[in-house]
Amino acid sequence: YPFVRDVLEMDAHHMTFTDATFDCVVAQFVITLVANPEQVPSECHRVVKPGGRIILVNHLYSEQGMAAKFERWMRITRT
C-alpha cells in the first residue's frame, strides 16, 4: 500500500489524533471488539473533519443491549 504513511497502535476509545484530522474514518471489525462500543463512534466523530465520512464495518451483530440498539440505529439512519 504505497498510500499508507504510517501504522499506529492506539485505543479506539481515546485516539491520539487531534480534532478534525481526517476526511474519512474507517473502522473495520472494531466495534464488536472494544470494551465500550458506544464510545468509539463519538471518538471517530471527533477526529473526522466537518462534512467528513465515518464508515463502520462489522461482521457480527448484537441481538440485545446497547450495542444492538446502536447497530439498529446506524443501519436505519445511515443507509
N, C-alpha and C. Protein backbone atom coordinates (compact mmCIF):
# COMPACT_ATOMS: atom_id res chain seq x y z
N TYR A 1 0.82 -1.18 0.00
CA TYR A 1 0.00 0.00 0.00
C TYR A 1 0.87 1.24 0.00
N PRO A 2 1.15 1.78 -1.14
CA PRO A 2 2.02 2.96 -1.20
C PRO A 2 1.39 4.21 -0.58
N PHE A 3 0.07 4.23 -0.41
CA PHE A 3 -0.60 5.41 0.17
C PHE A 3 -0.60 5.38 1.69
N VAL A 4 -0.20 4.27 2.32
CA VAL A 4 -0.13 4.19 3.78
C VAL A 4 1.17 4.81 4.24
N ARG A 5 1.06 5.88 5.04
CA ARG A 5 2.25 6.58 5.52
C ARG A 5 2.76 6.04 6.83
N ASP A 6 1.87 5.49 7.65
CA ASP A 6 2.28 5.02 8.96
C ASP A 6 1.21 4.09 9.51
N VAL A 7 1.60 3.22 10.41
CA VAL A 7 0.68 2.36 11.13
C VAL A 7 0.90 2.62 12.62
N LEU A 8 -0.18 2.98 13.30
CA LEU A 8 -0.10 3.32 14.72
C LEU A 8 -1.03 2.41 15.52
N GLU A 9 -0.62 2.06 16.69
CA GLU A 9 -1.46 1.29 17.60
C GLU A 9 -1.95 2.21 18.71
N MET A 10 -3.28 2.23 18.92
CA MET A 10 -3.83 3.07 19.99
C MET A 10 -5.20 2.58 20.38
N ASP A 11 -5.71 3.13 21.45
CA ASP A 11 -7.03 2.80 21.98
C ASP A 11 -8.09 3.49 21.14
N ALA A 12 -9.03 2.74 20.59
CA ALA A 12 -10.09 3.31 19.76
C ALA A 12 -11.02 4.22 20.55
N HIS A 13 -11.03 4.07 21.87
CA HIS A 13 -11.86 4.92 22.72
C HIS A 13 -11.23 6.31 22.92
N HIS A 14 -9.91 6.40 22.81
CA HIS A 14 -9.18 7.64 23.07
C HIS A 14 -8.02 7.75 22.08
N MET A 15 -8.33 8.11 20.84
CA MET A 15 -7.27 8.22 19.83
C MET A 15 -6.42 9.46 20.10
N THR A 16 -5.16 9.38 19.72
CA THR A 16 -4.23 10.47 19.98
C THR A 16 -4.24 11.54 18.89
N PHE A 17 -5.08 11.39 17.89
CA PHE A 17 -5.17 12.38 16.83
C PHE A 17 -5.89 13.63 17.33
N THR A 18 -5.56 14.76 16.75
CA THR A 18 -6.25 16.00 17.10
C THR A 18 -7.64 16.02 16.46
N ASP A 19 -8.49 16.90 16.94
CA ASP A 19 -9.83 17.05 16.40
C ASP A 19 -9.77 17.38 14.91
N ALA A 20 -10.76 16.88 14.17
CA ALA A 20 -10.94 17.21 12.75
C ALA A 20 -9.66 16.97 11.93
N THR A 21 -9.09 15.80 12.08
CA THR A 21 -7.86 15.46 11.37
C THR A 21 -8.12 14.83 10.00
N PHE A 22 -9.17 14.02 9.88
CA PHE A 22 -9.35 13.18 8.69
C PHE A 22 -10.59 13.53 7.89
N ASP A 23 -10.51 13.32 6.58
CA ASP A 23 -11.67 13.45 5.70
C ASP A 23 -12.59 12.26 5.86
N CYS A 24 -12.02 11.11 6.18
CA CYS A 24 -12.78 9.88 6.32
C CYS A 24 -12.15 9.02 7.41
N VAL A 25 -12.99 8.42 8.23
CA VAL A 25 -12.53 7.48 9.27
C VAL A 25 -13.20 6.14 8.96
N VAL A 26 -12.39 5.09 8.86
CA VAL A 26 -12.90 3.75 8.61
C VAL A 26 -12.50 2.86 9.78
N ALA A 27 -13.50 2.23 10.39
CA ALA A 27 -13.25 1.30 11.49
C ALA A 27 -13.82 -0.06 11.09
N GLN A 28 -12.95 -0.91 10.59
CA GLN A 28 -13.37 -2.23 10.14
C GLN A 28 -13.21 -3.24 11.27
N PHE A 29 -14.31 -3.91 11.59
CA PHE A 29 -14.31 -5.01 12.56
C PHE A 29 -13.77 -4.58 13.92
N VAL A 30 -14.10 -3.37 14.34
CA VAL A 30 -13.62 -2.83 15.61
C VAL A 30 -14.72 -2.85 16.67
N ILE A 31 -15.91 -2.46 16.31
CA ILE A 31 -16.99 -2.23 17.26
C ILE A 31 -17.27 -3.44 18.14
N THR A 32 -17.20 -4.64 17.59
CA THR A 32 -17.50 -5.83 18.39
C THR A 32 -16.34 -6.26 19.28
N LEU A 33 -15.22 -5.59 19.17
CA LEU A 33 -14.03 -6.00 19.93
C LEU A 33 -13.63 -5.03 21.03
N VAL A 34 -14.28 -3.90 21.13
CA VAL A 34 -13.89 -2.90 22.13
C VAL A 34 -14.77 -3.00 23.37
N ALA A 35 -14.25 -2.49 24.48
CA ALA A 35 -14.96 -2.56 25.76
C ALA A 35 -16.23 -1.70 25.76
N ASN A 36 -16.17 -0.52 25.13
CA ASN A 36 -17.31 0.41 25.11
C ASN A 36 -17.65 0.76 23.66
N PRO A 37 -18.41 -0.08 22.97
CA PRO A 37 -18.69 0.17 21.56
C PRO A 37 -19.45 1.46 21.30
N GLU A 38 -20.15 1.98 22.30
CA GLU A 38 -20.89 3.23 22.12
C GLU A 38 -19.95 4.43 22.04
N GLN A 39 -18.78 4.31 22.62
CA GLN A 39 -17.84 5.43 22.69
C GLN A 39 -17.02 5.60 21.40
N VAL A 40 -16.79 4.54 20.69
CA VAL A 40 -15.92 4.60 19.51
C VAL A 40 -16.48 5.51 18.41
N PRO A 41 -17.77 5.44 18.06
CA PRO A 41 -18.28 6.38 17.05
C PRO A 41 -18.13 7.84 17.46
N SER A 42 -18.27 8.13 18.74
CA SER A 42 -18.07 9.51 19.20
C SER A 42 -16.62 9.94 18.99
N GLU A 43 -15.72 9.03 19.24
CA GLU A 43 -14.30 9.33 19.04
C GLU A 43 -13.99 9.48 17.55
N CYS A 44 -14.62 8.66 16.72
CA CYS A 44 -14.46 8.81 15.27
C CYS A 44 -15.00 10.17 14.82
N HIS A 45 -16.13 10.57 15.37
CA HIS A 45 -16.72 11.87 15.03
C HIS A 45 -15.78 13.01 15.43
N ARG A 46 -15.10 12.84 16.52
CA ARG A 46 -14.16 13.88 16.99
C ARG A 46 -13.01 14.08 16.02
N VAL A 47 -12.50 13.00 15.44
CA VAL A 47 -11.30 13.12 14.59
C VAL A 47 -11.61 13.32 13.11
N VAL A 48 -12.88 13.21 12.71
CA VAL A 48 -13.24 13.44 11.31
C VAL A 48 -13.56 14.93 11.11
N LYS A 49 -13.17 15.45 9.96
CA LYS A 49 -13.44 16.85 9.63
C LYS A 49 -14.94 17.07 9.42
N PRO A 50 -15.42 18.28 9.64
CA PRO A 50 -16.83 18.58 9.36
C PRO A 50 -17.16 18.21 7.91
N GLY A 51 -18.25 17.51 7.74
CA GLY A 51 -18.65 17.06 6.42
C GLY A 51 -17.96 15.78 5.99
N GLY A 52 -17.07 15.26 6.82
CA GLY A 52 -16.36 14.03 6.50
C GLY A 52 -17.25 12.80 6.69
N ARG A 53 -16.70 11.65 6.38
CA ARG A 53 -17.45 10.41 6.47
C ARG A 53 -16.85 9.49 7.53
N ILE A 54 -17.73 8.75 8.16
CA ILE A 54 -17.33 7.69 9.09
C ILE A 54 -17.92 6.40 8.54
N ILE A 55 -17.07 5.42 8.32
CA ILE A 55 -17.51 4.13 7.80
C ILE A 55 -17.18 3.06 8.84
N LEU A 56 -18.22 2.44 9.38
CA LEU A 56 -18.06 1.37 10.35
C LEU A 56 -18.48 0.06 9.68
N VAL A 57 -17.59 -0.91 9.70
CA VAL A 57 -17.86 -2.21 9.10
C VAL A 57 -17.85 -3.23 10.22
N ASN A 58 -18.86 -4.07 10.25
CA ASN A 58 -18.99 -5.05 11.32
C ASN A 58 -19.35 -6.40 10.71
N HIS A 59 -18.70 -7.46 11.14
CA HIS A 59 -19.01 -8.79 10.62
C HIS A 59 -19.94 -9.58 11.53
N LEU A 60 -20.17 -9.09 12.71
CA LEU A 60 -21.10 -9.71 13.66
C LEU A 60 -22.16 -8.69 14.03
N TYR A 61 -23.21 -9.13 14.66
CA TYR A 61 -24.20 -8.19 15.16
C TYR A 61 -24.64 -8.61 16.55
N SER A 62 -25.15 -7.67 17.28
CA SER A 62 -25.63 -7.92 18.64
C SER A 62 -27.15 -8.01 18.61
N GLU A 63 -27.68 -8.92 19.39
CA GLU A 63 -29.13 -9.09 19.43
C GLU A 63 -29.78 -8.32 20.57
N GLN A 64 -29.00 -7.91 21.57
CA GLN A 64 -29.56 -7.19 22.70
C GLN A 64 -28.54 -6.22 23.28
N GLY A 65 -29.01 -5.36 24.15
CA GLY A 65 -28.13 -4.42 24.82
C GLY A 65 -27.87 -3.16 24.00
N MET A 66 -26.96 -2.33 24.52
CA MET A 66 -26.64 -1.05 23.88
C MET A 66 -26.04 -1.25 22.49
N ALA A 67 -25.18 -2.25 22.33
CA ALA A 67 -24.58 -2.48 21.01
C ALA A 67 -25.65 -2.78 19.98
N ALA A 68 -26.65 -3.59 20.33
CA ALA A 68 -27.73 -3.92 19.40
C ALA A 68 -28.53 -2.67 19.04
N LYS A 69 -28.84 -1.84 20.03
CA LYS A 69 -29.59 -0.60 19.77
C LYS A 69 -28.80 0.32 18.85
N PHE A 70 -27.51 0.44 19.12
CA PHE A 70 -26.67 1.30 18.30
C PHE A 70 -26.59 0.78 16.86
N GLU A 71 -26.41 -0.53 16.69
CA GLU A 71 -26.33 -1.11 15.36
C GLU A 71 -27.62 -0.91 14.58
N ARG A 72 -28.77 -1.09 15.24
CA ARG A 72 -30.04 -0.85 14.57
C ARG A 72 -30.19 0.61 14.17
N TRP A 73 -29.81 1.51 15.07
CA TRP A 73 -29.90 2.95 14.78
C TRP A 73 -29.03 3.31 13.59
N MET A 74 -27.80 2.82 13.56
CA MET A 74 -26.90 3.12 12.46
C MET A 74 -27.42 2.56 11.15
N ARG A 75 -27.94 1.36 11.17
CA ARG A 75 -28.46 0.74 9.96
C ARG A 75 -29.66 1.51 9.43
N ILE A 76 -30.53 1.94 10.31
CA ILE A 76 -31.75 2.63 9.90
C ILE A 76 -31.48 4.05 9.46
N THR A 77 -30.66 4.79 10.19
CA THR A 77 -30.49 6.21 9.91
C THR A 77 -29.38 6.51 8.91
N ARG A 78 -28.54 5.56 8.61
CA ARG A 78 -27.39 5.85 7.76
C ARG A 78 -27.40 5.14 6.43
N THR A 79 -28.46 4.41 6.09
CA THR A 79 -28.48 3.71 4.81
C THR A 79 -29.26 4.47 3.79
